Structure formats: C-alpha cells, structure tokens
C-alpha atoms as a PDB file:
ATOM      1  CA  UNK A   1      15.772  16.708   0.138  1.00  0.00           C
ATOM      2  CA  UNK A   2      13.482  12.697   0.009  1.00  0.00           C
ATOM      3  CA  UNK A   3      10.307  11.627  -1.652  1.00  0.00           C
ATOM      4  CA  UNK A   4       7.027  13.594  -0.760  1.00  0.00           C
ATOM      5  CA  UNK A   5       5.432  11.882   1.659  1.00  0.00           C
ATOM      6  CA  UNK A   6       2.132   9.709   0.189  1.00  0.00           C
ATOM      7  CA  UNK A   7      -0.804   8.810   2.520  1.00  0.00           C
ATOM      8  CA  UNK A   8      -4.286   7.408   1.976  1.00  0.00           C
ATOM      9  CA  UNK A   9      -6.627   7.422   5.125  1.00  0.00           C
ATOM     10  CA  UNK A  10     -10.476   5.960   5.798  1.00  0.00           C
ATOM     11  CA  UNK A  11     -13.198   6.529   8.632  1.00  0.00           C
ATOM     12  CA  UNK A  12     -15.778   4.330   9.425  1.00  0.00           C
ATOM     13  CA  UNK A  13     -16.948   2.899  12.291  1.00  0.00           C
ATOM     14  CA  UNK A  14     -17.101  -0.238  13.936  1.00  0.00           C
ATOM     15  CA  UNK A  15     -17.376  -1.798  17.659  1.00  0.00           C
ATOM     16  CA  UNK A  16     -16.247  -0.057  20.922  1.00  0.00           C
ATOM     17  CA  UNK A  17     -13.323  -2.896  22.325  1.00  0.00           C
ATOM     18  CA  UNK A  18     -14.498  -0.588  25.992  1.00  0.00           C
ATOM     19  CA  UNK A  19     -18.013  -0.518  25.468  1.00  0.00           C
ATOM     20  CA  UNK A  20     -19.269  -2.045  22.674  1.00  0.00           C
ATOM     21  CA  UNK A  21     -21.468   0.472  21.566  1.00  0.00           C
ATOM     22  CA  UNK A  22     -20.426   2.335  17.522  1.00  0.00           C
ATOM     23  CA  UNK A  23     -17.025   3.986  17.562  1.00  0.00           C
ATOM     24  CA  UNK A  24     -15.230   6.265  14.846  1.00  0.00           C
ATOM     25  CA  UNK A  25     -12.222   4.082  14.100  1.00  0.00           C
ATOM     26  CA  UNK A  26      -9.318   6.192  11.316  1.00  0.00           C
ATOM     27  CA  UNK A  27      -6.907   4.147   9.535  1.00  0.00           C
ATOM     28  CA  UNK A  28      -3.934   5.382   7.880  1.00  0.00           C
ATOM     29  CA  UNK A  29      -1.490   3.726   5.143  1.00  0.00           C
ATOM     30  CA  UNK A  30       1.454   5.819   4.614  1.00  0.00           C
ATOM     31  CA  UNK A  31       5.084   5.782   2.509  1.00  0.00           C
ATOM     32  CA  UNK A  32       7.080   8.172   4.369  1.00  0.00           C
ATOM     33  CA  UNK A  33      10.803   7.595   4.058  1.00  0.00           C
ATOM     34  CA  UNK A  34      10.841   4.894   1.526  1.00  0.00           C
ATOM     35  CA  UNK A  35       9.077   2.121   4.298  1.00  0.00           C
ATOM     36  CA  UNK A  36       5.183   1.719   4.059  1.00  0.00           C
ATOM     37  CA  UNK A  37       3.513   2.565   7.623  1.00  0.00           C
ATOM     38  CA  UNK A  38       0.324   2.072   9.124  1.00  0.00           C
ATOM     39  CA  UNK A  39      -1.953   2.467  11.659  1.00  0.00           C
ATOM     40  CA  UNK A  40      -5.239   2.491  13.331  1.00  0.00           C
ATOM     41  CA  UNK A  41      -7.416   4.750  15.422  1.00  0.00           C
ATOM     42  CA  UNK A  42     -10.258   4.991  18.035  1.00  0.00           C
ATOM     43  CA  UNK A  43     -12.066   7.097  20.214  1.00  0.00           C
ATOM     44  CA  UNK A  44     -14.913   6.589  21.934  1.00  0.00           C
ATOM     45  CA  UNK A  45     -17.059   9.390  23.518  1.00  0.00           C
ATOM     46  CA  UNK A  46     -19.629   7.215  24.906  1.00  0.00           C
ATOM     47  CA  UNK A  47     -17.248   5.969  27.386  1.00  0.00           C
ATOM     48  CA  UNK A  48     -13.989   7.941  26.227  1.00  0.00           C
ATOM     49  CA  UNK A  49     -11.497   4.243  25.442  1.00  0.00           C
ATOM     50  CA  UNK A  50      -8.901   4.783  23.020  1.00  0.00           C
ATOM     51  CA  UNK A  51      -6.775   2.886  21.165  1.00  0.00           C
ATOM     52  CA  UNK A  52      -3.999   3.332  18.863  1.00  0.00           C
ATOM     53  CA  UNK A  53      -2.439   0.124  16.619  1.00  0.00           C
ATOM     54  CA  UNK A  54      -0.184   0.000  14.162  1.00  0.00           C
ATOM     55  CA  UNK A  55       2.811  -3.103  14.070  1.00  0.00           C
ATOM     56  CA  UNK A  56       4.432  -5.187  10.985  1.00  0.00           C
ATOM     57  CA  UNK A  57       2.809  -5.667   8.491  1.00  0.00           C
ATOM     58  CA  UNK A  58      -1.127  -3.470   6.962  1.00  0.00           C
ATOM     59  CA  UNK A  59      -3.655  -6.404   8.129  1.00  0.00           C
ATOM     60  CA  UNK A  60      -5.767  -7.176   5.203  1.00  0.00           C
ATOM     61  CA  UNK A  61      -9.280  -5.704   6.458  1.00  0.00           C
ATOM     62  CA  UNK A  62      -7.730  -2.382   6.403  1.00  0.00           C
ATOM     63  CA  UNK A  63      -5.899  -2.793   3.140  1.00  0.00           C
ATOM     64  CA  UNK A  64      -9.662  -4.121   2.277  1.00  0.00           C
ATOM     65  CA  UNK A  65     -10.722  -1.633   3.293  1.00  0.00           C
ATOM     66  CA  UNK A  66      -8.728   1.545   1.769  1.00  0.00           C
ATOM     67  CA  UNK A  67      -8.782  -0.803  -2.247  1.00  0.00           C
ATOM     68  CA  UNK A  68     -12.355  -0.687  -1.808  1.00  0.00           C
ATOM     69  CA  UNK A  69     -12.641   3.202  -0.782  1.00  0.00           C
ATOM     70  CA  UNK A  70     -10.037   4.793  -2.513  1.00  0.00           C
ATOM     71  CA  UNK A  71      -9.990   1.913  -5.200  1.00  0.00           C
ATOM     72  CA  UNK A  72      -6.776   0.161  -7.120  1.00  0.00           C
ATOM     73  CA  UNK A  73      -3.367   1.400  -7.850  1.00  0.00           C
ATOM     74  CA  UNK A  74      -1.479  -0.035 -11.241  1.00  0.00           C
ATOM     75  CA  UNK A  75       2.421  -0.661 -11.199  1.00  0.00           C
ATOM     76  CA  UNK A  76       3.434   0.486 -14.916  1.00  0.00           C
ATOM     77  CA  UNK A  77       7.024   0.523 -16.203  1.00  0.00           C
ATOM     78  CA  UNK A  78       7.429   2.310 -19.350  1.00  0.00           C
ATOM     79  CA  UNK A  79       8.836   0.669 -22.574  1.00  0.00           C
ATOM     80  CA  UNK A  80      12.021   0.004 -23.090  1.00  0.00           C
ATOM     81  CA  UNK A  81      12.342  -1.715 -20.533  1.00  0.00           C
ATOM     82  CA  UNK A  82      14.850  -4.319 -18.721  1.00  0.00           C
ATOM     83  CA  UNK A  83      12.921  -6.905 -17.135  1.00  0.00           C
ATOM     84  CA  UNK A  84      16.044  -7.900 -14.910  1.00  0.00           C
ATOM     85  CA  UNK A  85      16.154  -4.432 -12.978  1.00  0.00           C
ATOM     86  CA  UNK A  86      12.695  -4.760 -12.604  1.00  0.00           C
ATOM     87  CA  UNK A  87      12.930  -8.686 -11.743  1.00  0.00           C
ATOM     88  CA  UNK A  88      15.679  -7.810  -8.865  1.00  0.00           C
ATOM     89  CA  UNK A  89      13.745  -5.034  -7.327  1.00  0.00           C
ATOM     90  CA  UNK A  90      10.522  -7.122  -7.080  1.00  0.00           C
ATOM     91  CA  UNK A  91      12.290 -10.093  -5.466  1.00  0.00           C
ATOM     92  CA  UNK A  92      14.052  -7.764  -3.145  1.00  0.00           C
ATOM     93  CA  UNK A  93      10.709  -5.761  -2.600  1.00  0.00           C
ATOM     94  CA  UNK A  94       8.065  -8.749  -2.114  1.00  0.00           C
ATOM     95  CA  UNK A  95      10.299 -11.021  -1.519  1.00  0.00           C
ATOM     96  CA  UNK A  96       9.536 -14.112  -3.052  1.00  0.00           C
ATOM     97  CA  UNK A  97      11.409 -16.928  -5.651  1.00  0.00           C
ATOM     98  CA  UNK A  98      12.124 -16.477  -9.498  1.00  0.00           C
ATOM     99  CA  UNK A  99       8.956 -18.370 -10.396  1.00  0.00           C
ATOM    100  CA  UNK A 100       6.985 -15.961  -8.325  1.00  0.00           C
ATOM    101  CA  UNK A 101       8.615 -13.041  -9.480  1.00  0.00           C
ATOM    102  CA  UNK A 102       8.095 -14.130 -13.741  1.00  0.00           C
ATOM    103  CA  UNK A 103       4.202 -14.187 -12.667  1.00  0.00           C
ATOM    104  CA  UNK A 104       4.833 -10.691 -10.963  1.00  0.00           C
ATOM    105  CA  UNK A 105       6.849  -9.502 -13.792  1.00  0.00           C
ATOM    106  CA  UNK A 106       4.572 -10.321 -16.381  1.00  0.00           C
ATOM    107  CA  UNK A 107       1.105  -8.254 -14.617  1.00  0.00           C
ATOM    108  CA  UNK A 108       4.035  -5.493 -14.318  1.00  0.00           C
ATOM    109  CA  UNK A 109       4.461  -5.592 -18.282  1.00  0.00           C
ATOM    110  CA  UNK A 110       1.029  -6.004 -18.753  1.00  0.00           C
ATOM    111  CA  UNK A 111      -0.348  -2.967 -16.637  1.00  0.00           C
ATOM    112  CA  UNK A 112      -2.396  -5.650 -14.342  1.00  0.00           C
ATOM    113  CA  UNK A 113      -0.662  -6.073 -11.106  1.00  0.00           C
ATOM    114  CA  UNK A 114      -2.257  -3.344  -8.535  1.00  0.00           C
ATOM    115  CA  UNK A 115      -2.685  -2.444  -4.539  1.00  0.00           C
ATOM    116  CA  UNK A 116      -2.896   0.370  -2.161  1.00  0.00           C
ATOM    117  CA  UNK A 117      -0.969   3.454  -4.153  1.00  0.00           C
ATOM    118  CA  UNK A 118       1.077   3.051  -1.248  1.00  0.00           C
ATOM    119  CA  UNK A 119       2.253   0.055  -1.709  1.00  0.00           C
ATOM    120  CA  UNK A 120       2.143   0.592  -5.114  1.00  0.00           C
ATOM    121  CA  UNK A 121       4.622   4.193  -5.426  1.00  0.00           C
ATOM    122  CA  UNK A 122       6.883   2.230  -2.762  1.00  0.00           C
ATOM    123  CA  UNK A 123       7.932  -0.340  -5.338  1.00  0.00           C
ATOM    124  CA  UNK A 124       7.923   3.174  -8.116  1.00  0.00           C
ATOM    125  CA  UNK A 125      10.042   4.880  -6.351  1.00  0.00           C
ATOM    126  CA  UNK A 126      12.777   1.477  -5.660  1.00  0.00           C
ATOM    127  CA  UNK A 127      12.655   0.733  -9.259  1.00  0.00           C
ATOM    128  CA  UNK A 128      13.000   4.453 -10.687  1.00  0.00           C
ATOM    129  CA  UNK A 129      16.213   4.009  -8.026  1.00  0.00           C
ATOM    130  CA  UNK A 130      17.192   1.051 -10.565  1.00  0.00           C
ATOM    131  CA  UNK A 131      16.799   3.547 -12.902  1.00  0.00           C
ATOM    132  CA  UNK A 132      13.674   2.162 -14.821  1.00  0.00           C
ATOM    133  CA  UNK A 133      10.881   4.375 -16.331  1.00  0.00           C
ATOM    134  CA  UNK A 134       8.022   3.841 -13.710  1.00  0.00           C
ATOM    135  CA  UNK A 135       4.616   5.444 -12.365  1.00  0.00           C
ATOM    136  CA  UNK A 136       2.236   4.106  -9.467  1.00  0.00           C
ATOM    137  CA  UNK A 137      -1.635   5.710 -10.432  1.00  0.00           C
ATOM    138  CA  UNK A 138      -4.838   4.682  -9.748  1.00  0.00           C
ATOM    139  CA  UNK A 139      -6.347   1.792 -11.711  1.00  0.00           C
ATOM    140  CA  UNK A 140      -9.170   2.120 -14.668  1.00  0.00           C
ATOM    141  CA  UNK A 141     -12.040   0.237 -14.422  1.00  0.00           C
END
C-alpha cells in the first residue's frame, strides 16, 4: 500500500463571481500518490453560482491562506546526512540550479526551510526514498 494522503484545507468568504455577494469558499492542498494537488471551490446560495478550480501550481493567495491558518511546516533531515543525496532530490523537486540548491540545503540543514505541510512532506518522502532520513513537521515559533 502507498503512502497516506495528506490534506490541508481552509474555508473563507470572498466575493461571488456571479453576483458579487459574499460566498463561502473552500481551498485544499493535498499530497496524493507522490504529487501535490490543489483545488478551490465555491457555491453562492443566493444566486446559485458554483465554481471549482484546480490546475498547475498552487496560487500564491491560496498558499498564503493555508500558511496563515495552519502555520508553516519545516523539512528536517537527521544527521549524519548525505548532502549530495539531499542536493540531488532538492534540485530535481524544486527545479533549481547548483547555486540555488546550496542555499536551500543550508536552510534545510539548519531547520529553516519551510512551507505548507503537504509541500514539506512531499520533499521528506522523496528524501526518504533516496535513503535520507527526513521528516516534515509544524514549525514552532
């Protein structure tokens, strides 16, 4: 059996795209079968307008709302770590070059690399698959 699904969701009010009134919205980011997925949906009871959106990268506004409501999660690796293996995974998953990955590696090694829990858990799972002991957990301020 594969890894469990990990989901973070938020509920908020925003303008209805149909009538402009206040509508209830729900946003979700999920880690499913080794991939990040997201969607946002709304239904407006007064006018009946409904919309569901999901595609591409998580929109910044939805990511910011998730981080605001749930807090940041941190990616951690346990020493002794194989920096080359960590860098390979980070480069592949984040699509960054050698200069960029060195800065990210430093943040990972010092426990300062953070994001949504599904984002950090995806990296932790990829690192564990590469033989690196890694975990994702809520950051403590």
